[in-house]
Amino acid sequence: AGDGPGDAHVVIVYFDPPQTIKIGKGENTGRSMTYWNAVSGIQTAGMWHGKAQRYELPMSVISKKGGCAVLLQSVGKDGLPGPILGAALIHKPAHSRP
């Protein structure tokens, strides 16, 4: 993360690789649906205070998922999450894809 205004949370959103599921009930019974990038976990990796910082994620964690999105989310004056200031996408390493 580079320089910028204010404090923000660094949030990691993990997602699964595409999964095709056969629907067993309802109006789509018997059909197959493919779910893309279904979120499987969210964690706050730390705080960003407006100065350049480096964050490291273990590839062992990412390789078990489809990848992750790294979000930089501002903190409002009330302490609640605010607007997303920036985002990056990290895909699962090619050597660990099925």
PDB file of N, CA and C in Angstrom:
ATOM      1  N   ALA A   1       0.855  -1.181   0.000  1.00  0.00           N
ATOM      2  CA  ALA A   1       0.000   0.000   0.000  1.00  0.00           C
ATOM      3  C   ALA A   1       0.892   1.232   0.000  1.00  0.00           C
ATOM      4  N   GLY A   2       0.556   2.194  -0.823  1.00  0.00           N
ATOM      5  CA  GLY A   2       1.330   3.424  -0.911  1.00  0.00           C
ATOM      6  C   GLY A   2       0.806   4.489   0.022  1.00  0.00           C
ATOM      7  N   ASP A   3       1.325   5.732  -0.130  1.00  0.00           N
ATOM      8  CA  ASP A   3       0.905   6.843   0.710  1.00  0.00           C
ATOM      9  C   ASP A   3      -0.509   7.290   0.361  1.00  0.00           C
ATOM     10  N   GLY A   4      -1.224   7.807   1.350  1.00  0.00           N
ATOM     11  CA  GLY A   4      -2.579   8.302   1.135  1.00  0.00           C
ATOM     12  C   GLY A   4      -3.140   8.871   2.422  1.00  0.00           C
ATOM     13  N   PRO A   5      -4.378   9.370   2.379  1.00  0.00           N
ATOM     14  CA  PRO A   5      -4.974   9.996   3.554  1.00  0.00           C
ATOM     15  C   PRO A   5      -5.564   8.985   4.536  1.00  0.00           C
ATOM     16  N   GLY A   6      -5.490   9.301   5.836  1.00  0.00           N
ATOM     17  CA  GLY A   6      -6.251   8.596   6.856  1.00  0.00           C
ATOM     18  C   GLY A   6      -5.907   7.156   7.121  1.00  0.00           C
ATOM     19  N   ASP A   7      -6.733   6.562   7.986  1.00  0.00           N
ATOM     20  CA  ASP A   7      -6.584   5.162   8.371  1.00  0.00           C
ATOM     21  C   ASP A   7      -7.545   4.292   7.572  1.00  0.00           C
ATOM     22  N   ALA A   8      -7.149   3.058   7.361  1.00  0.00           N
ATOM     23  CA  ALA A   8      -8.010   2.115   6.642  1.00  0.00           C
ATOM     24  C   ALA A   8      -7.672   0.694   7.079  1.00  0.00           C
ATOM     25  N   HIS A   9      -8.638  -0.182   6.938  1.00  0.00           N
ATOM     26  CA  HIS A   9      -8.434  -1.607   7.189  1.00  0.00           C
ATOM     27  C   HIS A   9      -7.924  -2.270   5.916  1.00  0.00           C
ATOM     28  N   VAL A  10      -6.997  -3.207   6.073  1.00  0.00           N
ATOM     29  CA  VAL A  10      -6.584  -4.072   4.972  1.00  0.00           C
ATOM     30  C   VAL A  10      -7.370  -5.369   5.171  1.00  0.00           C
ATOM     31  N   VAL A  11      -8.286  -5.640   4.240  1.00  0.00           N
ATOM     32  CA  VAL A  11      -9.211  -6.766   4.372  1.00  0.00           C
ATOM     33  C   VAL A  11      -8.921  -7.784   3.268  1.00  0.00           C
ATOM     34  N   ILE A  12      -8.816  -9.049   3.653  1.00  0.00           N
ATOM     35  CA  ILE A  12      -8.591 -10.130   2.698  1.00  0.00           C
ATOM     36  C   ILE A  12      -9.903 -10.895   2.539  1.00  0.00           C
ATOM     37  N   VAL A  13     -10.361 -11.021   1.299  1.00  0.00           N
ATOM     38  CA  VAL A  13     -11.589 -11.761   0.988  1.00  0.00           C
ATOM     39  C   VAL A  13     -11.186 -12.978   0.158  1.00  0.00           C
ATOM     40  N   TYR A  14     -11.280 -14.162   0.756  1.00  0.00           N
ATOM     41  CA  TYR A  14     -10.914 -15.400   0.063  1.00  0.00           C
ATOM     42  C   TYR A  14     -12.112 -15.902  -0.737  1.00  0.00           C
ATOM     43  N   PHE A  15     -11.837 -16.456  -1.923  1.00  0.00           N
ATOM     44  CA  PHE A  15     -12.919 -17.017  -2.726  1.00  0.00           C
ATOM     45  C   PHE A  15     -12.528 -18.380  -3.270  1.00  0.00           C
ATOM     46  N   ASP A  16     -13.560 -19.184  -3.537  1.00  0.00           N
ATOM     47  CA  ASP A  16     -13.369 -20.543  -4.044  1.00  0.00           C
ATOM     48  C   ASP A  16     -13.233 -20.543  -5.557  1.00  0.00           C
ATOM     49  N   PRO A  17     -12.570 -21.565  -6.109  1.00  0.00           N
ATOM     50  CA  PRO A  17     -12.547 -21.718  -7.569  1.00  0.00           C
ATOM     51  C   PRO A  17     -13.961 -22.041  -8.055  1.00  0.00           C
ATOM     52  N   PRO A  18     -14.206 -21.932  -9.354  1.00  0.00           N
ATOM     53  CA  PRO A  18     -15.542 -22.247  -9.879  1.00  0.00           C
ATOM     54  C   PRO A  18     -15.969 -23.665  -9.488  1.00  0.00           C
ATOM     55  N   GLN A  19     -17.232 -23.792  -9.087  1.00  0.00           N
ATOM     56  CA  GLN A  19     -17.780 -25.092  -8.712  1.00  0.00           C
ATOM     57  C   GLN A  19     -19.116 -25.285  -9.416  1.00  0.00           C
ATOM     58  N   THR A  20     -19.279 -26.431 -10.079  1.00  0.00           N
ATOM     59  CA  THR A  20     -20.547 -26.753 -10.719  1.00  0.00           C
ATOM     60  C   THR A  20     -21.326 -27.675  -9.790  1.00  0.00           C
ATOM     61  N   ILE A  21     -22.543 -27.267  -9.485  1.00  0.00           N
ATOM     62  CA  ILE A  21     -23.403 -27.977  -8.543  1.00  0.00           C
ATOM     63  C   ILE A  21     -24.675 -28.413  -9.264  1.00  0.00           C
ATOM     64  N   LYS A  22     -25.102 -29.657  -9.034  1.00  0.00           N
ATOM     65  CA  LYS A  22     -26.376 -30.119  -9.589  1.00  0.00           C
ATOM     66  C   LYS A  22     -27.481 -29.736  -8.604  1.00  0.00           C
ATOM     67  N   ILE A  23     -28.502 -29.049  -9.105  1.00  0.00           N
ATOM     68  CA  ILE A  23     -29.592 -28.569  -8.269  1.00  0.00           C
ATOM     69  C   ILE A  23     -30.572 -29.712  -8.025  1.00  0.00           C
ATOM     70  N   GLY A  24     -30.897 -29.965  -6.746  1.00  0.00           N
ATOM     71  CA  GLY A  24     -31.752 -31.088  -6.388  1.00  0.00           C
ATOM     72  C   GLY A  24     -33.194 -30.725  -6.088  1.00  0.00           C
ATOM     73  N   LYS A  25     -33.485 -29.441  -5.843  1.00  0.00           N
ATOM     74  CA  LYS A  25     -34.849 -29.038  -5.485  1.00  0.00           C
ATOM     75  C   LYS A  25     -35.189 -27.712  -6.146  1.00  0.00           C
ATOM     76  N   GLY A  26     -36.480 -27.436  -6.210  1.00  0.00           N
ATOM     77  CA  GLY A  26     -36.947 -26.141  -6.700  1.00  0.00           C
ATOM     78  C   GLY A  26     -37.134 -26.111  -8.201  1.00  0.00           C
ATOM     79  N   GLU A  27     -37.330 -24.910  -8.718  1.00  0.00           N
ATOM     80  CA  GLU A  27     -37.635 -24.750 -10.147  1.00  0.00           C
ATOM     81  C   GLU A  27     -36.472 -25.126 -11.056  1.00  0.00           C
ATOM     82  N   ASN A  28     -35.255 -25.197 -10.509  1.00  0.00           N
ATOM     83  CA  ASN A  28     -34.081 -25.566 -11.309  1.00  0.00           C
ATOM     84  C   ASN A  28     -33.645 -27.018 -11.092  1.00  0.00           C
ATOM     85  N   THR A  29     -34.530 -27.852 -10.523  1.00  0.00           N
ATOM     86  CA  THR A  29     -34.214 -29.261 -10.270  1.00  0.00           C
ATOM     87  C   THR A  29     -33.662 -29.926 -11.530  1.00  0.00           C
ATOM     88  N   GLY A  30     -32.542 -30.633 -11.354  1.00  0.00           N
ATOM     89  CA  GLY A  30     -31.931 -31.354 -12.464  1.00  0.00           C
ATOM     90  C   GLY A  30     -30.942 -30.533 -13.269  1.00  0.00           C
ATOM     91  N   ARG A  31     -30.962 -29.230 -13.112  1.00  0.00           N
ATOM     92  CA  ARG A  31     -30.006 -28.376 -13.829  1.00  0.00           C
ATOM     93  C   ARG A  31     -28.689 -28.316 -13.058  1.00  0.00           C
ATOM     94  N   SER A  32     -27.649 -27.948 -13.763  1.00  0.00           N
ATOM     95  CA  SER A  32     -26.354 -27.700 -13.131  1.00  0.00           C
ATOM     96  C   SER A  32     -26.074 -26.208 -13.180  1.00  0.00           C
ATOM     97  N   MET A  33     -25.586 -25.674 -12.074  1.00  0.00           N
ATOM     98  CA  MET A  33     -25.245 -24.255 -11.972  1.00  0.00           C
ATOM     99  C   MET A  33     -23.770 -24.147 -11.593  1.00  0.00           C
ATOM    100  N   THR A  34     -23.071 -23.219 -12.209  1.00  0.00           N
ATOM    101  CA  THR A  34     -21.675 -22.980 -11.858  1.00  0.00           C
ATOM    102  C   THR A  34     -21.588 -21.707 -11.036  1.00  0.00           C
ATOM    103  N   TYR A  35     -21.015 -21.838  -9.861  1.00  0.00           N
ATOM    104  CA  TYR A  35     -20.804 -20.695  -8.975  1.00  0.00           C
ATOM    105  C   TYR A  35     -19.362 -20.228  -9.145  1.00  0.00           C
ATOM    106  N   TRP A  36     -19.183 -18.948  -9.410  1.00  0.00           N
ATOM    107  CA  TRP A  36     -17.864 -18.361  -9.654  1.00  0.00           C
ATOM    108  C   TRP A  36     -17.480 -17.460  -8.488  1.00  0.00           C
ATOM    109  N   ASN A  37     -16.275 -17.660  -7.983  1.00  0.00           N
ATOM    110  CA  ASN A  37     -15.708 -16.776  -6.961  1.00  0.00           C
ATOM    111  C   ASN A  37     -16.604 -16.611  -5.737  1.00  0.00           C
ATOM    112  N   ALA A  38     -17.207 -17.696  -5.268  1.00  0.00           N
ATOM    113  CA  ALA A  38     -18.015 -17.651  -4.048  1.00  0.00           C
ATOM    114  C   ALA A  38     -17.095 -17.350  -2.867  1.00  0.00           C
ATOM    115  N   VAL A  39     -17.460 -16.377  -2.063  1.00  0.00           N
ATOM    116  CA  VAL A  39     -16.633 -15.973  -0.922  1.00  0.00           C
ATOM    117  C   VAL A  39     -16.650 -17.078   0.128  1.00  0.00           C
ATOM    118  N   SER A  40     -15.454 -17.476   0.574  1.00  0.00           N
ATOM    119  CA  SER A  40     -15.341 -18.546   1.563  1.00  0.00           C
ATOM    120  C   SER A  40     -14.731 -18.071   2.875  1.00  0.00           C
ATOM    121  N   GLY A  41     -14.303 -16.822   2.926  1.00  0.00           N
ATOM    122  CA  GLY A  41     -13.745 -16.295   4.166  1.00  0.00           C
ATOM    123  C   GLY A  41     -13.332 -14.843   4.031  1.00  0.00           C
ATOM    124  N   ILE A  42     -13.388 -14.139   5.149  1.00  0.00           N
ATOM    125  CA  ILE A  42     -12.976 -12.730   5.195  1.00  0.00           C
ATOM    126  C   ILE A  42     -12.158 -12.541   6.461  1.00  0.00           C
ATOM    127  N   GLN A  43     -11.034 -11.832   6.347  1.00  0.00           N
ATOM    128  CA  GLN A  43     -10.243 -11.523   7.533  1.00  0.00           C
ATOM    129  C   GLN A  43      -9.608 -10.145   7.386  1.00  0.00           C
ATOM    130  N   THR A  44      -9.457  -9.465   8.506  1.00  0.00           N
ATOM    131  CA  THR A  44      -8.745  -8.193   8.517  1.00  0.00           C
ATOM    132  C   THR A  44      -7.277  -8.502   8.758  1.00  0.00           C
ATOM    133  N   ALA A  45      -6.419  -8.064   7.831  1.00  0.00           N
ATOM    134  CA  ALA A  45      -4.988  -8.362   7.918  1.00  0.00           C
ATOM    135  C   ALA A  45      -4.235  -7.321   8.732  1.00  0.00           C
ATOM    136  N   GLY A  46      -4.819  -6.143   8.894  1.00  0.00           N
ATOM    137  CA  GLY A  46      -4.153  -5.098   9.648  1.00  0.00           C
ATOM    138  C   GLY A  46      -4.718  -3.731   9.325  1.00  0.00           C
ATOM    139  N   MET A  47      -4.049  -2.727   9.850  1.00  0.00           N
ATOM    140  CA  MET A  47      -4.445  -1.338   9.615  1.00  0.00           C
ATOM    141  C   MET A  47      -3.417  -0.668   8.727  1.00  0.00           C
ATOM    142  N   TRP A  48      -3.896   0.244   7.911  1.00  0.00           N
ATOM    143  CA  TRP A  48      -3.043   1.069   7.060  1.00  0.00           C
ATOM    144  C   TRP A  48      -3.225   2.497   7.540  1.00  0.00           C
ATOM    145  N   HIS A  49      -2.121   3.199   7.787  1.00  0.00           N
ATOM    146  CA  HIS A  49      -2.164   4.531   8.381  1.00  0.00           C
ATOM    147  C   HIS A  49      -1.706   5.619   7.422  1.00  0.00           C
ATOM    148  N   GLY A  50      -1.867   5.400   6.130  1.00  0.00           N
ATOM    149  CA  GLY A  50      -1.566   6.445   5.158  1.00  0.00           C
ATOM    150  C   GLY A  50      -0.134   6.467   4.651  1.00  0.00           C
ATOM    151  N   LYS A  51       0.696   5.556   5.104  1.00  0.00           N
ATOM    152  CA  LYS A  51       2.094   5.487   4.654  1.00  0.00           C
ATOM    153  C   LYS A  51       2.342   4.155   3.948  1.00  0.00           C
ATOM    154  N   ALA A  52       3.355   4.137   3.093  1.00  0.00           N
ATOM    155  CA  ALA A  52       3.697   2.908   2.369  1.00  0.00           C
ATOM    156  C   ALA A  52       3.981   1.785   3.369  1.00  0.00           C
ATOM    157  N   GLN A  53       3.385   0.623   3.122  1.00  0.00           N
ATOM    158  CA  GLN A  53       3.574  -0.557   3.961  1.00  0.00           C
ATOM    159  C   GLN A  53       3.629  -1.792   3.079  1.00  0.00           C
ATOM    160  N   ARG A  54       4.141  -2.859   3.651  1.00  0.00           N
ATOM    161  CA  ARG A  54       4.197  -4.138   2.941  1.00  0.00           C
ATOM    162  C   ARG A  54       3.449  -5.169   3.782  1.00  0.00           C
ATOM    163  N   TYR A  55       2.609  -5.940   3.120  1.00  0.00           N
ATOM    164  CA  TYR A  55       1.873  -7.025   3.766  1.00  0.00           C
ATOM    165  C   TYR A  55       2.217  -8.314   3.041  1.00  0.00           C
ATOM    166  N   GLU A  56       2.339  -9.397   3.786  1.00  0.00           N
ATOM    167  CA  GLU A  56       2.644 -10.687   3.178  1.00  0.00           C
ATOM    168  C   GLU A  56       1.542 -11.683   3.518  1.00  0.00           C
ATOM    169  N   LEU A  57       1.135 -12.434   2.508  1.00  0.00           N
ATOM    170  CA  LEU A  57       0.164 -13.510   2.683  1.00  0.00           C
ATOM    171  C   LEU A  57       0.844 -14.825   2.350  1.00  0.00           C
ATOM    172  N   PRO A  58       0.682 -15.845   3.181  1.00  0.00           N
ATOM    173  CA  PRO A  58       1.284 -17.133   2.851  1.00  0.00           C
ATOM    174  C   PRO A  58       0.609 -17.749   1.627  1.00  0.00           C
ATOM    175  N   MET A  59       1.396 -18.132   0.633  1.00  0.00           N
ATOM    176  CA  MET A  59       0.846 -18.752  -0.570  1.00  0.00           C
ATOM    177  C   MET A  59       0.174 -20.083  -0.235  1.00  0.00           C
ATOM    178  N   SER A  60       0.555 -20.706   0.876  1.00  0.00           N
ATOM    179  CA  SER A  60      -0.083 -21.963   1.267  1.00  0.00           C
ATOM    180  C   SER A  60      -1.570 -21.757   1.543  1.00  0.00           C
ATOM    181  N   VAL A  61      -1.931 -20.592   2.061  1.00  0.00           N
ATOM    182  CA  VAL A  61      -3.344 -20.286   2.317  1.00  0.00           C
ATOM    183  C   VAL A  61      -4.059 -20.012   1.003  1.00  0.00           C
ATOM    184  N   ILE A  62      -3.460 -19.199   0.145  1.00  0.00           N
ATOM    185  CA  ILE A  62      -4.079 -18.839  -1.131  1.00  0.00           C
ATOM    186  C   ILE A  62      -4.216 -20.065  -2.025  1.00  0.00           C
ATOM    187  N   SER A  63      -3.229 -20.975  -1.995  1.00  0.00           N
ATOM    188  CA  SER A  63      -3.274 -22.144  -2.881  1.00  0.00           C
ATOM    189  C   SER A  63      -4.409 -23.102  -2.527  1.00  0.00           C
ATOM    190  N   LYS A  64      -4.952 -23.012  -1.309  1.00  0.00           N
ATOM    191  CA  LYS A  64      -6.090 -23.844  -0.914  1.00  0.00           C
ATOM    192  C   LYS A  64      -7.413 -23.257  -1.398  1.00  0.00           C
ATOM    193  N   LYS A  65      -7.387 -22.023  -1.856  1.00  0.00           N
ATOM    194  CA  LYS A  65      -8.581 -21.314  -2.317  1.00  0.00           C
ATOM    195  C   LYS A  65      -8.446 -21.043  -3.806  1.00  0.00           C
ATOM    196  N   GLY A  66      -9.428 -20.340  -4.379  1.00  0.00           N
ATOM    197  CA  GLY A  66      -9.336 -19.921  -5.771  1.00  0.00           C
ATOM    198  C   GLY A  66      -8.477 -18.685  -5.910  1.00  0.00           C
ATOM    199  N   GLY A  67      -8.267 -18.007  -4.793  1.00  0.00           N
ATOM    200  CA  GLY A  67      -7.504 -16.770  -4.750  1.00  0.00           C
ATOM    201  C   GLY A  67      -8.104 -15.863  -3.699  1.00  0.00           C
ATOM    202  N   CYS A  68      -7.751 -14.579  -3.777  1.00  0.00           N
ATOM    203  CA  CYS A  68      -8.314 -13.631  -2.827  1.00  0.00           C
ATOM    204  C   CYS A  68      -8.306 -12.227  -3.407  1.00  0.00           C
ATOM    205  N   ALA A  69      -9.137 -11.398  -2.829  1.00  0.00           N
ATOM    206  CA  ALA A  69      -9.137  -9.971  -3.132  1.00  0.00           C
ATOM    207  C   ALA A  69      -8.607  -9.271  -1.893  1.00  0.00           C
ATOM    208  N   VAL A  70      -7.744  -8.290  -2.091  1.00  0.00           N
ATOM    209  CA  VAL A  70      -7.222  -7.487  -0.998  1.00  0.00           C
ATOM    210  C   VAL A  70      -7.884  -6.122  -1.112  1.00  0.00           C
ATOM    211  N   LEU A  71      -8.618  -5.742  -0.076  1.00  0.00           N
ATOM    212  CA  LEU A  71      -9.350  -4.482  -0.081  1.00  0.00           C
ATOM    213  C   LEU A  71      -8.742  -3.516   0.913  1.00  0.00           C
ATOM    214  N   LEU A  72      -8.687  -2.253   0.543  1.00  0.00           N
ATOM    215  CA  LEU A  72      -8.291  -1.185   1.448  1.00  0.00           C
ATOM    216  C   LEU A  72      -9.559  -0.394   1.726  1.00  0.00           C
ATOM    217  N   GLN A  73     -10.094  -0.546   2.951  1.00  0.00           N
ATOM    218  CA  GLN A  73     -11.389   0.041   3.282  1.00  0.00           C
ATOM    219  C   GLN A  73     -11.232   1.086   4.372  1.00  0.00           C
ATOM    220  N   SER A  74     -11.704   2.301   4.063  1.00  0.00           N
ATOM    221  CA  SER A  74     -11.584   3.404   5.012  1.00  0.00           C
ATOM    222  C   SER A  74     -12.420   3.135   6.257  1.00  0.00           C
ATOM    223  N   VAL A  75     -12.071   3.850   7.325  1.00  0.00           N
ATOM    224  CA  VAL A  75     -12.796   3.767   8.584  1.00  0.00           C
ATOM    225  C   VAL A  75     -13.480   5.111   8.789  1.00  0.00           C
ATOM    226  N   GLY A  76     -14.800   5.086   8.981  1.00  0.00           N
ATOM    227  CA  GLY A  76     -15.554   6.315   9.190  1.00  0.00           C
ATOM    228  C   GLY A  76     -15.291   6.917  10.561  1.00  0.00           C
ATOM    229  N   LYS A  77     -15.716   8.157  10.751  1.00  0.00           N
ATOM    230  CA  LYS A  77     -15.550   8.841  12.043  1.00  0.00           C
ATOM    231  C   LYS A  77     -16.266   8.100  13.164  1.00  0.00           C
ATOM    232  N   ASP A  78     -17.313   7.359  12.802  1.00  0.00           N
ATOM    233  CA  ASP A  78     -18.071   6.575  13.776  1.00  0.00           C
ATOM    234  C   ASP A  78     -17.432   5.212  14.052  1.00  0.00           C
ATOM    235  N   GLY A  79     -16.294   4.940  13.389  1.00  0.00           N
ATOM    236  CA  GLY A  79     -15.598   3.670  13.563  1.00  0.00           C
ATOM    237  C   GLY A  79     -16.112   2.548  12.682  1.00  0.00           C
ATOM    238  N   LEU A  80     -17.161   2.828  11.913  1.00  0.00           N
ATOM    239  CA  LEU A  80     -17.729   1.816  11.021  1.00  0.00           C
ATOM    240  C   LEU A  80     -16.987   1.791   9.692  1.00  0.00           C
ATOM    241  N   PRO A  81     -17.033   0.648   8.984  1.00  0.00           N
ATOM    242  CA  PRO A  81     -16.375   0.579   7.677  1.00  0.00           C
ATOM    243  C   PRO A  81     -16.935   1.620   6.720  1.00  0.00           C
ATOM    244  N   GLY A  82     -16.032   2.233   5.958  1.00  0.00           N
ATOM    245  CA  GLY A  82     -16.408   3.243   4.981  1.00  0.00           C
ATOM    246  C   GLY A  82     -16.173   2.747   3.568  1.00  0.00           C
ATOM    247  N   PRO A  83     -16.009   3.674   2.628  1.00  0.00           N
ATOM    248  CA  PRO A  83     -15.800   3.308   1.227  1.00  0.00           C
ATOM    249  C   PRO A  83     -14.511   2.510   1.006  1.00  0.00           C
ATOM    250  N   ILE A  84     -14.526   1.694  -0.043  1.00  0.00           N
ATOM    251  CA  ILE A  84     -13.330   0.966  -0.475  1.00  0.00           C
ATOM    252  C   ILE A  84     -12.424   1.961  -1.195  1.00  0.00           C
ATOM    253  N   LEU A  85     -11.181   2.074  -0.753  1.00  0.00           N
ATOM    254  CA  LEU A  85     -10.219   3.014  -1.340  1.00  0.00           C
ATOM    255  C   LEU A  85      -9.410   2.384  -2.468  1.00  0.00           C
ATOM    256  N   GLY A  86      -9.242   1.080  -2.403  1.00  0.00           N
ATOM    257  CA  GLY A  86      -8.460   0.379  -3.418  1.00  0.00           C
ATOM    258  C   GLY A  86      -8.654  -1.117  -3.276  1.00  0.00           C
ATOM    259  N   ALA A  87      -8.313  -1.838  -4.331  1.00  0.00           N
ATOM    260  CA  ALA A  87      -8.469  -3.293  -4.315  1.00  0.00           C
ATOM    261  C   ALA A  87      -7.474  -3.927  -5.271  1.00  0.00           C
ATOM    262  N   ALA A  88      -7.087  -5.151  -4.965  1.00  0.00           N
ATOM    263  CA  ALA A  88      -6.212  -5.934  -5.842  1.00  0.00           C
ATOM    264  C   ALA A  88      -6.686  -7.377  -5.791  1.00  0.00           C
ATOM    265  N   LEU A  89      -6.424  -8.108  -6.862  1.00  0.00           N
ATOM    266  CA  LEU A  89      -6.837  -9.502  -6.969  1.00  0.00           C
ATOM    267  C   LEU A  89      -5.601 -10.383  -7.035  1.00  0.00           C
ATOM    268  N   ILE A  90      -5.590 -11.439  -6.229  1.00  0.00           N
ATOM    269  CA  ILE A  90      -4.497 -12.408  -6.246  1.00  0.00           C
ATOM    270  C   ILE A  90      -5.104 -13.753  -6.625  1.00  0.00           C
ATOM    271  N   HIS A  91      -4.661 -14.302  -7.756  1.00  0.00           N
ATOM    272  CA  HIS A  91      -5.172 -15.596  -8.210  1.00  0.00           C
ATOM    273  C   HIS A  91      -4.359 -16.725  -7.602  1.00  0.00           C
ATOM    274  N   LYS A  92      -4.988 -17.867  -7.498  1.00  0.00           N
ATOM    275  CA  LYS A  92      -4.314 -19.079  -7.047  1.00  0.00           C
ATOM    276  C   LYS A  92      -3.130 -19.339  -7.969  1.00  0.00           C
ATOM    277  N   PRO A  93      -1.959 -19.705  -7.416  1.00  0.00           N
ATOM    278  CA  PRO A  93      -0.801 -19.989  -8.268  1.00  0.00           C
ATOM    279  C   PRO A  93      -1.114 -21.083  -9.289  1.00  0.00           C
ATOM    280  N   ALA A  94      -0.644 -20.912 -10.506  1.00  0.00           N
ATOM    281  CA  ALA A  94      -0.940 -21.849 -11.604  1.00  0.00           C
ATOM    282  C   ALA A  94      -0.504 -23.272 -11.274  1.00  0.00           C
ATOM    283  N   HIS A  95       0.635 -23.447 -10.585  1.00  0.00           N
ATOM    284  CA  HIS A  95       1.131 -24.792 -10.285  1.00  0.00           C
ATOM    285  C   HIS A  95       0.256 -25.534  -9.284  1.00  0.00           C
ATOM    286  N   SER A  96      -0.630 -24.840  -8.562  1.00  0.00           N
ATOM    287  CA  SER A  96      -1.477 -25.521  -7.585  1.00  0.00           C
ATOM    288  C   SER A  96      -2.919 -25.647  -8.051  1.00  0.00           C
ATOM    289  N   ARG A  97      -3.205 -25.251  -9.293  1.00  0.00           N
ATOM    290  CA  ARG A  97      -4.562 -25.399  -9.825  1.00  0.00           C
ATOM    291  C   ARG A  97      -4.789 -26.846 -10.222  1.00  0.00           C
ATOM    292  N   PRO A  98      -6.039 -27.322 -10.030  1.00  0.00           N
ATOM    293  CA  PRO A  98      -6.318 -28.729 -10.380  1.00  0.00           C
ATOM    294  C   PRO A  98      -6.216 -28.971 -11.862  1.00  0.00           C
TER     295      PRO A  98
END
